[in-house]
Amino acid sequence: MLQVANLNQYYGGSHILRGLSFDVCPGEITCLLGRNGVGKTTLLKCLMGLIPAKSGDIRWQGAVINNRKPHQRVQAGIAYVPQGREIFPRLTVEENLLMGLARFHGAAAKSVPDEIYQLFPVLHEMRARRGGDLSGGQQQQLAIGRALACRPQLLILDEPTEGIQPSVIKEIGAVIRQLAQRGDMAILLVEQFYDFAAELADRYLVMSRGEIVLRGAGANMDADGVRGLVAI
């Protein structure tokens, strides 16, 4: 569904992404791991068109999308939940979710799909509460729910467990697995929390200094020594 071939990016004279190549398939969770500063978030911004790729191809469903703007990539079926969540703190939970719908469906979006509230019951309970009044874990659930409102075929998550209590991490993990098991969505998960990634990954990629240095099946992460490569 998503194919990245020989992707390169620079900041000034620094070579940040070095010839990255990988693909992401529907029905699978691909986990991208690596220590801070190796280029993970830069890669995601390139995938979303927030920064241009210097060279290489990003293909979505067979078509090169390097020149497409971020909103065009969203409309094509790619959703991105950035690090830090970036919800609208003064809007209610329901209004935040409707904003996600409006970006995709336009002003015609009047109600939140029941599926979002089924995946995250707490959002239904708190739909009239302002986003800024939610806990960090609830805000993360809201950010994921808002991304899912546009019915993406690829969901990109940038460190969804950061700063979140263990009980909510489990709930988010269960939702991610449920979405993948439907078979029609690909998930690219960037994560530093090794145990969370190892529990979910169908396939893994390890980045170091802008390169993918190891890849394989999620079931083999322990045997492949991935923990030692990503431990801080």
Protein backbone atom coordinates (compact mmCIF):
# COMPACT_ATOMS: atom_id res chain seq x y z
CA MET A 1 0.00 0.00 0.00
CA LEU A 2 2.85 2.39 0.92
CA GLN A 3 6.24 1.95 -0.76
CA VAL A 4 9.28 4.06 0.09
CA ALA A 5 12.32 3.75 -2.16
CA ASN A 6 15.78 5.25 -1.55
CA LEU A 7 14.44 8.25 0.41
CA ASN A 8 16.95 10.97 1.31
CA GLN A 9 16.60 14.19 3.31
CA TYR A 10 19.08 16.83 4.51
CA TYR A 11 19.05 19.63 7.07
CA GLY A 12 21.73 22.08 6.01
CA GLY A 13 24.80 19.94 5.47
CA SER A 14 23.53 17.06 7.61
CA HIS A 15 22.31 13.92 5.84
CA ILE A 16 19.26 13.08 8.00
CA LEU A 17 17.59 10.27 6.02
CA ARG A 18 19.97 7.99 4.14
CA GLY A 19 18.45 5.95 1.34
CA LEU A 20 15.51 4.51 3.25
CA SER A 21 13.49 1.79 1.53
CA PHE A 22 10.56 -0.16 3.00
CA ASP A 23 6.89 -0.89 2.45
CA VAL A 24 3.79 -1.01 4.64
CA CYS A 25 0.99 -3.49 3.94
CA PRO A 26 -2.73 -3.59 4.80
CA GLY A 27 -3.66 -5.75 7.77
CA GLU A 28 -0.19 -5.36 9.28
CA ILE A 29 1.38 -3.25 12.00
CA THR A 30 4.87 -2.10 11.01
CA CYS A 31 6.82 -0.74 13.98
CA LEU A 32 9.65 1.71 13.41
CA LEU A 33 12.05 1.86 16.34
CA GLY A 34 15.16 3.86 17.14
CA ARG A 35 16.71 6.15 19.69
CA ASN A 36 16.02 9.89 19.79
CA GLY A 37 17.49 11.90 16.93
CA VAL A 38 17.84 9.12 14.36
CA GLY A 39 15.33 10.66 11.94
CA LYS A 40 12.05 8.89 12.73
CA THR A 41 9.87 12.00 12.94
CA THR A 42 11.60 13.53 9.90
CA LEU A 43 10.65 10.41 7.96
CA LEU A 44 7.00 10.71 8.98
CA LYS A 45 6.92 14.38 7.98
CA CYS A 46 8.30 13.42 4.58
CA LEU A 47 5.61 10.75 4.21
CA MET A 48 2.92 13.34 4.98
CA GLY A 49 4.40 16.05 2.73
CA LEU A 50 5.11 18.39 5.66
CA ILE A 51 8.72 18.57 4.48
CA PRO A 52 9.85 17.62 0.97
CA ALA A 53 11.96 14.56 0.25
CA LYS A 54 15.29 15.55 -1.29
CA SER A 55 15.35 12.40 -3.44
CA GLY A 56 13.74 9.00 -3.69
CA ASP A 57 10.12 7.95 -4.23
CA ILE A 58 7.12 7.75 -1.93
CA ARG A 59 4.43 5.62 -3.60
CA TRP A 60 0.87 5.32 -2.37
CA GLN A 61 -1.20 2.56 -3.97
CA GLY A 62 1.26 2.48 -6.85
CA ALA A 63 1.36 6.24 -7.59
CA VAL A 64 4.28 8.53 -6.71
CA ILE A 65 2.99 11.18 -4.27
CA ASN A 66 6.17 13.20 -3.66
CA ASN A 67 4.55 16.36 -5.04
CA ARG A 68 1.20 16.01 -3.29
CA LYS A 69 0.37 18.47 -0.50
CA PRO A 70 -0.42 17.19 3.03
CA HIS A 71 -4.20 17.63 2.67
CA GLN A 72 -4.12 15.71 -0.61
CA ARG A 73 -2.39 12.81 1.11
CA VAL A 74 -5.05 12.85 3.84
CA GLN A 75 -7.79 12.84 1.19
CA ALA A 76 -6.04 9.91 -0.50
CA GLY A 77 -6.37 7.88 2.72
CA ILE A 78 -3.30 8.62 4.88
CA ALA A 79 -3.84 9.79 8.48
CA TYR A 80 -1.12 11.06 10.82
CA VAL A 81 -1.18 11.39 14.62
CA PRO A 82 1.88 13.50 15.46
CA GLN A 83 3.96 13.40 18.59
CA GLY A 84 2.37 15.75 21.11
CA ARG A 85 -1.19 15.00 19.94
CA GLU A 86 -2.03 18.58 18.78
CA ILE A 87 -5.71 18.52 19.66
CA PHE A 88 -7.75 21.74 19.93
CA PRO A 89 -7.82 22.38 23.71
CA ARG A 90 -10.70 24.88 23.71
CA LEU A 91 -13.00 22.73 21.57
CA THR A 92 -15.06 19.90 23.03
CA VAL A 93 -14.22 16.27 22.35
CA GLU A 94 -17.08 16.08 19.85
CA GLU A 95 -15.98 19.29 18.10
CA ASN A 96 -12.42 17.94 17.83
CA LEU A 97 -13.73 14.78 16.19
CA LEU A 98 -15.97 16.76 13.83
CA MET A 99 -12.94 18.82 12.81
CA GLY A 100 -11.29 15.58 11.69
CA LEU A 101 -14.39 14.73 9.68
CA ALA A 102 -14.65 18.21 8.17
CA ARG A 103 -11.11 18.00 6.80
CA PHE A 104 -12.17 14.97 4.80
CA HIS A 105 -15.88 15.33 4.15
CA GLY A 106 -16.21 19.14 4.22
CA ALA A 107 -18.84 21.10 6.11
CA ALA A 108 -21.41 18.33 5.54
CA ALA A 109 -20.01 16.34 8.49
CA LYS A 110 -22.60 16.68 11.26
CA SER A 111 -22.13 13.66 13.50
CA VAL A 112 -19.28 11.51 14.77
CA PRO A 113 -19.31 7.91 13.42
CA ASP A 114 -20.42 5.42 16.06
CA GLU A 115 -17.27 3.38 15.39
CA ILE A 116 -15.07 6.07 16.98
CA TYR A 117 -17.05 5.98 20.21
CA GLN A 118 -17.09 2.17 20.15
CA LEU A 119 -13.29 2.08 19.89
CA PHE A 120 -12.87 4.75 22.59
CA PRO A 121 -15.88 4.69 24.97
CA VAL A 122 -14.29 7.38 27.16
CA LEU A 123 -14.65 9.86 24.29
CA HIS A 124 -18.40 9.27 24.24
CA GLU A 125 -18.61 9.78 28.00
CA MET A 126 -16.64 13.04 27.72
CA ARG A 127 -17.89 14.28 24.36
CA ALA A 128 -19.10 17.59 25.84
CA ARG A 129 -15.87 18.23 27.77
CA ARG A 130 -13.14 20.49 26.40
CA GLY A 131 -10.12 18.73 24.96
CA GLY A 132 -7.76 20.67 27.18
CA ASP A 133 -9.48 19.29 30.29
CA LEU A 134 -8.73 15.65 29.40
CA SER A 135 -5.82 13.65 30.78
CA GLY A 136 -2.82 13.01 28.54
CA GLY A 137 -4.03 9.48 27.79
CA GLN A 138 -7.53 10.68 26.95
CA GLN A 139 -6.08 13.38 24.67
CA GLN A 140 -4.09 10.69 22.85
CA GLN A 141 -7.26 8.66 22.36
CA LEU A 142 -8.95 11.79 21.04
CA ALA A 143 -6.08 12.46 18.60
CA ILE A 144 -6.29 8.88 17.27
CA GLY A 145 -10.08 9.08 17.07
CA ARG A 146 -9.87 12.33 15.11
CA ALA A 147 -7.45 10.70 12.64
CA LEU A 148 -9.74 7.68 12.26
CA ALA A 149 -12.75 9.91 11.56
CA CYS A 150 -11.58 10.35 7.95
CA ARG A 151 -11.57 6.54 7.47
CA PRO A 152 -7.89 6.20 6.50
CA GLN A 153 -6.31 3.22 4.79
CA LEU A 154 -2.96 4.02 6.42
CA LEU A 155 -2.67 5.22 10.01
CA ILE A 156 0.69 6.72 11.05
CA LEU A 157 1.28 7.06 14.80
CA ASP A 158 4.27 8.93 16.23
CA GLU A 159 5.04 7.64 19.76
CA PRO A 160 1.45 7.29 21.00
CA THR A 161 2.56 5.97 24.42
CA GLU A 162 4.67 9.00 25.36
CA GLY A 163 3.73 10.32 28.79
CA ILE A 164 0.67 8.08 29.16
CA GLN A 165 -0.42 5.93 32.10
CA PRO A 166 -0.06 2.13 31.65
CA SER A 167 -3.81 1.39 31.71
CA VAL A 168 -4.45 3.72 28.75
CA ILE A 169 -1.41 2.34 26.89
CA LYS A 170 -3.09 -1.09 27.06
CA GLU A 171 -6.36 0.34 25.72
CA ILE A 172 -4.59 2.09 22.84
CA GLY A 173 -2.67 -1.10 22.03
CA ALA A 174 -5.91 -3.09 21.90
CA VAL A 175 -7.45 -0.56 19.48
CA ILE A 176 -4.39 -0.62 17.21
CA ARG A 177 -4.49 -4.41 17.05
CA GLN A 178 -8.25 -4.39 16.39
CA LEU A 179 -7.81 -1.92 13.51
CA ALA A 180 -5.08 -4.05 11.92
CA GLN A 181 -7.12 -7.25 12.26
CA ARG A 182 -9.88 -5.77 10.09
CA GLY A 183 -7.47 -6.29 7.19
CA ASP A 184 -8.19 -3.10 5.25
CA MET A 185 -5.86 -0.70 7.09
CA ALA A 186 -2.07 -0.51 7.27
CA ILE A 187 -0.50 0.89 10.44
CA LEU A 188 2.94 2.47 10.76
CA LEU A 189 3.81 2.84 14.43
CA VAL A 190 6.85 4.82 15.57
CA GLU A 191 7.65 3.85 19.12
CA GLN A 192 10.40 4.02 21.74
CA PHE A 193 8.62 1.81 24.29
CA TYR A 194 10.08 -1.55 23.25
CA ASP A 195 7.58 -3.81 25.04
CA PHE A 196 4.60 -2.04 23.45
CA ALA A 197 6.13 -2.33 19.99
CA ALA A 198 7.15 -5.96 20.45
CA GLU A 199 3.63 -6.91 21.52
CA LEU A 200 2.02 -5.32 18.44
CA ALA A 201 4.53 -5.57 15.58
CA ASP A 202 3.87 -7.81 12.63
CA ARG A 203 7.06 -6.40 11.12
CA TYR A 204 9.72 -4.11 12.54
CA LEU A 205 12.29 -1.62 11.25
CA VAL A 206 15.17 -0.25 13.34
CA MET A 207 16.68 3.12 12.44
CA SER A 208 20.10 4.41 13.41
CA ARG A 209 21.75 7.59 12.09
CA GLY A 210 19.16 7.98 9.36
CA GLU A 211 19.40 4.43 8.05
CA ILE A 212 17.40 1.24 8.51
CA VAL A 213 19.95 -1.05 10.12
CA LEU A 214 17.73 -4.04 10.91
CA ARG A 215 14.31 -5.33 9.83
CA GLY A 216 12.33 -8.49 10.30
CA ALA A 217 9.22 -10.20 11.68
CA GLY A 218 7.79 -8.83 14.90
CA ALA A 219 7.84 -12.29 16.45
CA ASN A 220 11.64 -12.32 16.10
CA MET A 221 12.41 -8.99 17.79
CA ASP A 222 13.81 -10.53 20.96
CA ALA A 223 15.88 -13.12 19.10
CA ASP A 224 17.20 -10.42 16.75
CA GLY A 225 18.44 -8.29 19.66
CA VAL A 226 16.26 -5.30 18.88
CA ARG A 227 15.93 -4.22 22.53
CA GLY A 228 19.67 -3.61 22.76
CA LEU A 229 19.62 -1.45 19.63
CA VAL A 230 16.88 0.88 20.85
CA ALA A 231 17.56 0.99 24.61
CA ILE A 232 18.47 4.49 25.79
